[in-house]
Protein backbone atom coordinates (compact mmCIF):
# COMPACT_ATOMS: atom_id res chain seq x y z
CA MET A 1 36.38 -6.79 12.94
CA SER A 2 36.16 -3.01 12.66
CA SER A 3 35.89 -3.26 8.86
CA ARG A 4 32.89 -5.62 9.21
CA ILE A 5 31.19 -3.17 11.56
CA PHE A 6 31.84 -0.33 9.14
CA ILE A 7 30.45 -2.35 6.21
CA SER A 8 27.34 -3.29 8.21
CA LEU A 9 26.76 0.32 9.24
CA PHE A 10 27.16 1.44 5.64
CA GLN A 11 24.65 -1.18 4.47
CA TYR A 12 22.08 -0.11 7.03
CA PHE A 13 22.67 3.56 6.21
CA ASN A 14 22.14 2.73 2.54
CA ALA A 15 18.94 0.84 3.43
CA TRP A 16 17.55 3.81 5.35
CA LEU A 17 18.42 6.12 2.45
CA LEU A 18 16.36 3.89 0.16
CA ILE A 19 13.46 3.86 2.63
CA ALA A 20 13.67 7.67 2.90
CA PHE A 21 13.50 7.80 -0.90
CA VAL A 22 10.30 5.71 -0.82
CA VAL A 23 8.73 8.03 1.78
CA ALA A 24 9.68 11.10 -0.27
CA LEU A 25 8.30 9.55 -3.46
CA ALA A 26 5.04 8.73 -1.66
CA ALA A 27 4.68 12.37 -0.60
CA LEU A 28 5.57 13.59 -4.11
CA SER A 29 3.03 11.20 -5.69
CA GLU A 30 0.34 12.54 -3.38
CA LYS A 31 1.19 16.11 -4.38
CA ILE A 32 0.98 15.13 -8.07
CA TYR A 33 -2.39 13.50 -7.40
CA PHE A 34 -3.73 16.70 -5.84
CA ARG A 35 -2.33 18.77 -8.70
CA GLY A 36 -4.19 16.56 -11.16
CA LEU A 37 -7.32 16.69 -9.02
CA ALA A 38 -7.15 20.49 -8.98
CA ALA A 39 -6.77 20.54 -12.76
CA PHE A 40 -9.52 18.08 -13.68
CA ARG A 41 -11.91 18.41 -10.72
CA PRO A 42 -11.41 21.88 -9.23
CA LYS A 43 -14.55 21.68 -7.07
CA ALA A 44 -13.39 18.43 -5.45
CA ALA A 45 -9.94 19.90 -4.85
CA GLY A 46 -11.25 22.93 -3.03
CA GLY A 47 -11.41 25.50 -5.80
CA GLY A 48 -8.30 24.30 -7.63
CA ARG A 49 -5.89 24.61 -4.69
CA PRO A 50 -3.72 21.64 -3.71
CA SER A 51 -4.82 20.27 -0.33
CA VAL A 52 -1.55 18.81 0.88
CA ASN A 53 1.32 20.71 2.49
CA PHE A 54 3.50 18.54 4.72
CA ALA A 55 5.97 21.30 5.60
CA ARG A 56 3.21 23.58 6.91
CA TRP A 57 1.96 20.93 9.34
CA PHE A 58 5.41 20.50 10.86
CA ARG A 59 6.04 24.24 11.10
CA SER A 60 2.80 24.77 13.01
CA PRO A 61 2.93 24.68 16.83
CA VAL A 62 1.71 21.50 18.49
CA ALA A 63 -1.97 21.77 19.46
CA LEU A 64 -4.23 19.22 21.13
CA PRO A 65 -7.91 19.29 22.09
CA GLY A 66 -8.56 20.33 25.68
CA GLY A 67 -9.67 16.88 26.84
CA ALA A 68 -6.88 14.95 25.09
CA ARG A 69 -4.59 12.49 26.82
CA VAL A 70 -1.46 14.45 26.08
CA ARG A 71 1.29 11.82 26.10
CA THR A 72 -0.73 9.26 24.16
CA ALA A 73 -1.84 11.79 21.53
CA LEU A 74 1.74 13.06 21.16
CA PHE A 75 3.72 9.82 21.00
CA CYS A 76 1.40 7.24 19.41
CA PRO A 77 1.71 8.83 15.93
CA VAL A 78 5.48 8.33 16.20
CA LEU A 79 5.02 4.67 17.12
CA ALA A 80 2.57 4.21 14.24
CA PHE A 81 5.04 5.65 11.75
CA ALA A 82 7.87 3.54 13.20
CA ALA A 83 5.80 0.36 12.75
CA LEU A 84 5.06 1.38 9.15
CA LEU A 85 8.75 1.92 8.42
CA THR A 86 9.30 -1.60 9.74
CA VAL A 87 7.06 -2.74 6.89
CA CYS A 88 9.36 -0.87 4.48
CA ALA A 89 12.38 -2.51 6.08
CA CYS A 90 10.78 -5.93 5.46
CA LEU A 91 10.05 -5.41 1.77
CA PRO A 92 12.80 -6.42 -0.67
CA VAL A 93 11.56 -3.70 -3.03
CA CYS A 94 12.32 -1.00 -0.42
CA THR A 95 15.79 -2.13 0.60
CA TYR A 96 18.41 -4.61 -0.56
CA ILE A 97 18.80 -6.08 2.96
CA PRO A 98 15.25 -6.78 4.23
CA ILE A 99 15.09 -7.68 7.92
CA ILE A 100 12.53 -10.45 7.35
CA ASP A 101 13.00 -13.25 4.84
CA ASN A 102 11.70 -16.32 6.62
CA GLY A 103 9.16 -17.66 4.16
CA ALA A 104 6.07 -16.03 5.72
CA ASP A 105 6.92 -12.37 5.42
CA VAL A 106 3.63 -11.49 3.67
CA VAL A 107 1.69 -12.48 6.81
CA GLN A 108 4.09 -10.55 9.03
CA LEU A 109 3.80 -7.49 6.79
CA ALA A 110 0.04 -7.51 7.34
CA GLN A 111 0.61 -7.87 11.09
CA PHE A 112 2.98 -4.88 11.17
CA MET A 113 0.43 -2.83 9.23
CA LEU A 114 -2.25 -3.77 11.76
CA LEU A 115 0.08 -2.83 14.62
CA SER A 116 0.65 0.54 12.98
CA GLU A 117 -3.10 0.93 12.54
CA VAL A 118 -3.67 0.23 16.24
CA PHE A 119 -1.32 3.07 17.23
CA VAL A 120 -3.18 5.45 14.90
CA LEU A 121 -6.54 4.48 16.38
CA VAL A 122 -5.16 4.97 19.88
CA SER A 123 -3.94 8.43 18.83
CA LEU A 124 -7.39 9.38 17.56
CA TYR A 125 -9.18 8.01 20.63
CA ALA A 126 -6.71 9.89 22.84
CA ALA A 127 -7.78 13.17 21.21
CA GLY A 128 -11.00 12.78 23.19
CA THR A 129 -13.41 14.54 20.81
CA GLU A 130 -16.48 13.13 19.08
CA GLU A 131 -15.09 14.12 15.69
CA ALA A 132 -11.89 12.17 16.36
CA LEU A 133 -13.92 9.12 17.39
CA GLU A 134 -15.90 9.30 14.16
CA ILE A 135 -12.67 9.51 12.14
CA ALA A 136 -11.37 6.45 14.03
CA ARG A 137 -14.54 4.51 13.19
CA ALA A 138 -14.24 5.46 9.51
CA GLU A 139 -10.58 4.40 9.54
CA MET A 140 -11.48 0.99 10.99
CA ARG A 141 -14.14 0.46 8.33
CA ASN A 142 -11.70 1.42 5.57
CA MET A 143 -9.03 -0.92 6.91
CA ILE A 144 -11.44 -3.87 7.08
CA ARG A 145 -12.65 -3.22 3.52
CA PHE A 146 -9.02 -3.23 2.38
CA LEU A 147 -7.75 -6.20 4.39
CA ILE A 148 -10.43 -8.66 3.22
CA PRO A 149 -9.59 -8.47 -0.52
CA PHE A 150 -5.87 -8.08 0.21
CA MET A 151 -5.59 -11.18 2.39
CA ALA A 152 -7.88 -13.10 0.00
CA ALA A 153 -5.49 -12.16 -2.81
CA CYS A 154 -2.46 -13.33 -0.81
CA ALA A 155 -4.10 -16.64 0.13
CA SER A 156 -5.33 -17.29 -3.42
CA ILE A 157 -1.95 -16.49 -4.96
CA ALA A 158 -0.26 -18.80 -2.44
CA ALA A 159 -2.71 -21.60 -3.29
CA TYR A 160 -2.07 -21.08 -7.00
CA LEU A 161 1.70 -21.16 -6.46
CA ILE A 162 1.38 -24.46 -4.59
CA LYS A 163 -0.64 -25.93 -7.47
CA ASN A 164 2.01 -24.63 -9.87
CA GLY A 165 4.71 -26.59 -8.04
CA LEU A 166 6.47 -23.76 -6.23
CA ASP A 167 9.60 -25.03 -4.48
CA THR A 168 9.92 -22.18 -1.93
CA ASP A 169 7.40 -20.96 0.64
CA PRO A 170 4.25 -19.62 -1.06
CA PHE A 171 3.83 -16.86 1.54
CA SER A 172 7.25 -15.40 0.81
CA PHE A 173 6.95 -11.95 -0.75
CA ASN A 174 9.62 -12.81 -3.32
CA SER A 175 7.33 -15.55 -4.68
CA PHE A 176 4.56 -13.08 -5.48
CA SER A 177 6.10 -11.74 -8.68
CA LEU A 178 3.71 -13.37 -11.17
CA PHE A 179 4.45 -11.51 -14.40
CA GLY A 180 6.19 -14.48 -16.01
CA GLN A 181 3.56 -16.96 -14.83
CA MET A 182 0.64 -14.78 -15.95
CA ARG A 183 1.79 -15.15 -19.54
CA SER A 184 1.08 -18.90 -19.31
CA MET A 185 -2.21 -18.56 -17.40
CA SER A 186 -5.57 -19.18 -19.01
CA TRP A 187 -7.99 -16.29 -19.20
CA PHE A 188 -9.56 -17.52 -15.94
CA GLY A 189 -6.37 -16.87 -14.00
CA VAL A 190 -5.66 -13.55 -15.73
CA ALA A 191 -9.22 -12.38 -15.06
CA GLY A 192 -8.88 -13.42 -11.42
CA MET A 193 -5.67 -11.44 -11.02
CA LEU A 194 -7.21 -8.38 -12.68
CA LEU A 195 -10.23 -8.59 -10.37
CA PHE A 196 -7.92 -8.78 -7.36
CA MET A 197 -6.01 -5.74 -8.61
CA LEU A 198 -9.30 -3.89 -9.07
CA ALA A 199 -10.65 -4.87 -5.64
CA VAL A 200 -7.47 -4.12 -3.66
CA LEU A 201 -6.46 -0.90 -5.43
CA SER A 202 -10.00 0.47 -5.23
CA GLN A 203 -9.89 -0.11 -1.47
CA ALA A 204 -6.38 1.26 -0.91
CA PRO A 205 -7.03 3.18 2.35
CA GLN A 206 -8.54 6.52 1.38
CA ARG A 207 -11.27 8.71 2.89
CA GLY A 208 -12.40 10.14 -0.44
CA ALA A 209 -11.29 11.63 -3.74
CA SER A 210 -11.02 15.17 -2.38
CA SER A 211 -8.75 14.13 0.51
CA GLY A 212 -6.60 11.61 -1.36
CA THR A 213 -5.00 9.13 0.99
CA LEU A 214 -4.73 11.67 3.83
CA LEU A 215 -6.12 10.48 7.13
CA LEU A 216 -7.46 13.93 8.07
CA GLU A 217 -9.16 16.34 5.71
CA GLU A 218 -8.24 20.00 5.74
CA GLY A 219 -11.08 21.14 8.00
CA GLU A 220 -11.16 18.12 10.31
CA LEU A 221 -9.83 18.29 13.87
CA PRO A 222 -8.66 21.91 13.60
CA ASP A 223 -7.51 21.86 17.23
CA TYR A 224 -5.21 18.87 16.58
CA GLY A 225 -2.16 20.36 14.86
CA GLY A 226 1.59 20.50 14.61
CA ALA A 227 3.99 17.56 14.33
CA PRO A 228 1.53 14.84 15.57
CA ARG A 229 -0.95 15.76 12.84
CA GLY A 230 1.83 15.93 10.24
CA ILE A 231 3.11 12.47 11.21
CA LEU A 232 -0.40 10.99 10.95
CA GLN A 233 -0.84 12.56 7.51
CA ILE A 234 2.49 11.25 6.20
CA TRP A 235 1.73 7.87 7.78
CA SER A 236 -1.52 7.61 5.84
CA VAL A 237 0.16 8.56 2.56
CA VAL A 238 3.04 6.09 2.98
CA ARG A 239 0.67 3.33 4.16
CA SER A 240 -1.43 3.53 0.98
CA PHE A 241 1.71 3.85 -1.15
CA ILE A 242 3.06 0.59 0.29
CA VAL A 243 -0.25 -1.14 -0.49
CA VAL A 244 0.02 0.03 -4.10
CA ALA A 245 3.66 -1.12 -4.18
CA VAL A 246 2.73 -4.64 -3.07
CA MET A 247 0.09 -4.96 -5.78
CA THR A 248 2.41 -3.45 -8.39
CA TYR A 249 5.12 -5.97 -7.47
CA ILE A 250 2.77 -8.84 -8.39
CA VAL A 251 2.55 -7.75 -12.04
CA PHE A 252 5.90 -5.97 -12.35
CA PRO A 253 8.32 -7.54 -14.91
CA SER A 254 11.29 -7.77 -12.54
CA GLU A 255 13.17 -10.29 -14.66
CA LEU A 256 12.91 -8.15 -17.80
CA MET A 257 14.15 -5.08 -15.96
CA GLY A 258 17.07 -7.03 -14.49
CA THR A 259 18.03 -8.32 -17.93
CA PHE A 260 17.89 -4.79 -19.32
CA GLY A 261 20.15 -3.52 -16.52
CA GLU A 262 22.72 -6.23 -17.17
CA SER A 263 22.73 -5.63 -20.93
CA ALA A 264 23.23 -1.90 -20.35
CA ALA A 265 26.29 -2.66 -18.18
CA ILE A 266 24.79 -0.76 -15.26
CA ALA A 267 26.42 -1.19 -11.87
CA TRP A 268 24.81 -3.50 -9.29
CA SER A 269 23.67 -5.83 -12.09
CA GLY A 270 20.37 -4.20 -12.85
CA GLN A 271 19.24 -3.66 -9.26
CA ALA A 272 19.39 0.10 -9.73
CA VAL A 273 17.25 -0.12 -12.88
CA ASN A 274 14.78 -2.40 -11.12
CA PHE A 275 14.55 -0.07 -8.14
CA VAL A 276 14.03 3.15 -10.08
CA VAL A 277 11.65 1.74 -12.71
CA PHE A 278 9.66 -0.15 -10.09
CA TRP A 279 9.06 2.87 -7.86
CA LEU A 280 8.25 5.09 -10.82
CA SER A 281 5.69 2.45 -11.80
CA VAL A 282 4.27 2.51 -8.26
CA ALA A 283 3.97 6.30 -8.42
CA ALA A 284 2.17 6.01 -11.77
CA MET A 285 -0.18 3.39 -10.29
CA ARG A 286 -0.92 5.66 -7.33
CA VAL A 287 -1.63 8.70 -9.49
CA ALA A 288 -3.54 6.98 -12.32
CA ALA A 289 -4.55 3.38 -11.57
CA VAL A 290 -5.92 3.87 -8.03
CA PRO A 291 -8.39 6.64 -9.03
CA LEU A 292 -9.34 4.59 -12.10
CA CYS A 293 -10.08 1.48 -10.02
CA ARG A 294 -12.12 3.54 -7.57
CA ALA A 295 -14.07 5.06 -10.45
CA VAL A 296 -14.78 1.61 -11.94
CA VAL A 297 -16.05 0.22 -8.62
CA ALA A 298 -18.13 3.37 -8.06
CA ALA A 299 -19.66 2.95 -11.52
CA VAL A 300 -20.61 -0.64 -10.68
CA GLU A 301 -22.08 0.43 -7.33
CA ARG A 302 -24.07 3.40 -8.69
CA PRO A 303 -27.09 1.53 -10.17
CA LEU A 304 -27.41 -0.73 -7.11
CA PRO A 305 -29.58 0.00 -4.06
CA ALA A 306 -27.75 1.79 -1.24
CA TYR A 307 -27.80 -1.27 1.03
CA ALA A 308 -26.11 -3.45 -1.64
CA ARG A 309 -23.31 -1.11 -2.70
CA GLY A 310 -20.98 -2.09 0.11
CA GLY A 311 -21.04 -5.71 -1.08
CA VAL A 312 -19.59 -5.02 -4.54
CA VAL A 313 -15.97 -5.26 -3.39
CA TYR A 314 -16.65 -8.52 -1.58
CA ALA A 315 -18.43 -9.92 -4.65
CA LEU A 316 -15.43 -8.98 -6.82
CA THR A 317 -13.13 -10.63 -4.28
CA ALA A 318 -15.21 -13.83 -4.23
CA ALA A 319 -15.22 -13.95 -8.05
CA ALA A 320 -11.43 -13.49 -8.13
CA VAL A 321 -10.94 -16.27 -5.57
CA LEU A 322 -13.10 -18.66 -7.63
CA LEU A 323 -11.29 -17.81 -10.87
CA LEU A 324 -7.85 -18.45 -9.37
CA TRP A 325 -9.17 -21.61 -7.73
CA TYR A 326 -10.39 -22.81 -11.14
CA GLU A 327 -7.01 -21.90 -12.63
CA GLY A 328 -5.44 -24.21 -10.04
CA ILE A 329 -7.78 -27.00 -11.12
CA VAL A 330 -6.73 -26.44 -14.76
CA LEU A 331 -3.08 -26.74 -13.70
CA SER A 332 -3.81 -30.00 -11.84
CA MET A 333 -5.62 -31.44 -14.87
CA GLU A 334 -2.74 -30.52 -17.17
CA ALA A 335 -0.25 -32.11 -14.76
CA ALA A 336 -2.35 -35.29 -14.58
CA ALA A 337 -2.52 -35.46 -18.39
CA PHE A 338 1.25 -35.74 -18.53
């Protein structure tokens, strides 16, 4: 009995080490992004200086605006970060023993992210300043613009998997690895998946190029400092990193990496290779692919009237949904032919 308890504790300790690695890699990727921004766009990066310093935020004394609701402003960032780490604990790419594997974990992941978002909004409203309220409104708009293409992608992929004769639940995260199936798709399906990647990655929660994925820019809410601010900043970085990880998982060649790990006689049968290569791929997507997708969408929006620019992402999402829907029809016709 005691040996089972020890093994369970060791497994959970190992899981939290992996999650801590993901959080650290998210912070490192953000620093690399700001380094690149300072090198290629010094004006946007504030004169060439990196704009992210997590240690400095936590070393600073806690400060709140005069009219803030103290307990809410202090503790809600912690609850938001805890809810986000629950998302990590649910993802099989973050830990080898996910706490959710019931066939609908994709939906529950979105719900946990929304719960985390609610705590962040409560934190900002508790600050009690007009600037904090404006940041909360911008955060809500960004989250809506991300959730619509993301949930459309999940629903369309699930519908395609059903048409393709999937035996397991189509809303299981493990079913969303489509690299092998994309090789047999027609160009309609491939184009639909690429449009979904473009729409979702371009809307990965971010205030702007100069602030990266940070919730608060350098000069915003100067009287809101210390650990609560640092937690909110790390929360925003990890939240966007998880979004990128989910989209990367869809096109990541997990089977090829596992085969490589087994052929190299690496311990844990290729899981270590999968884990390291996958998260390095996510970091590369965060540093390179996300800015590229945002630049492509911005280029499409630029010639349009100001009132129509906000609809570009939704138009891309609708086109992707139709392309995957047509791919499902092609699958049904091929099945009927046999």
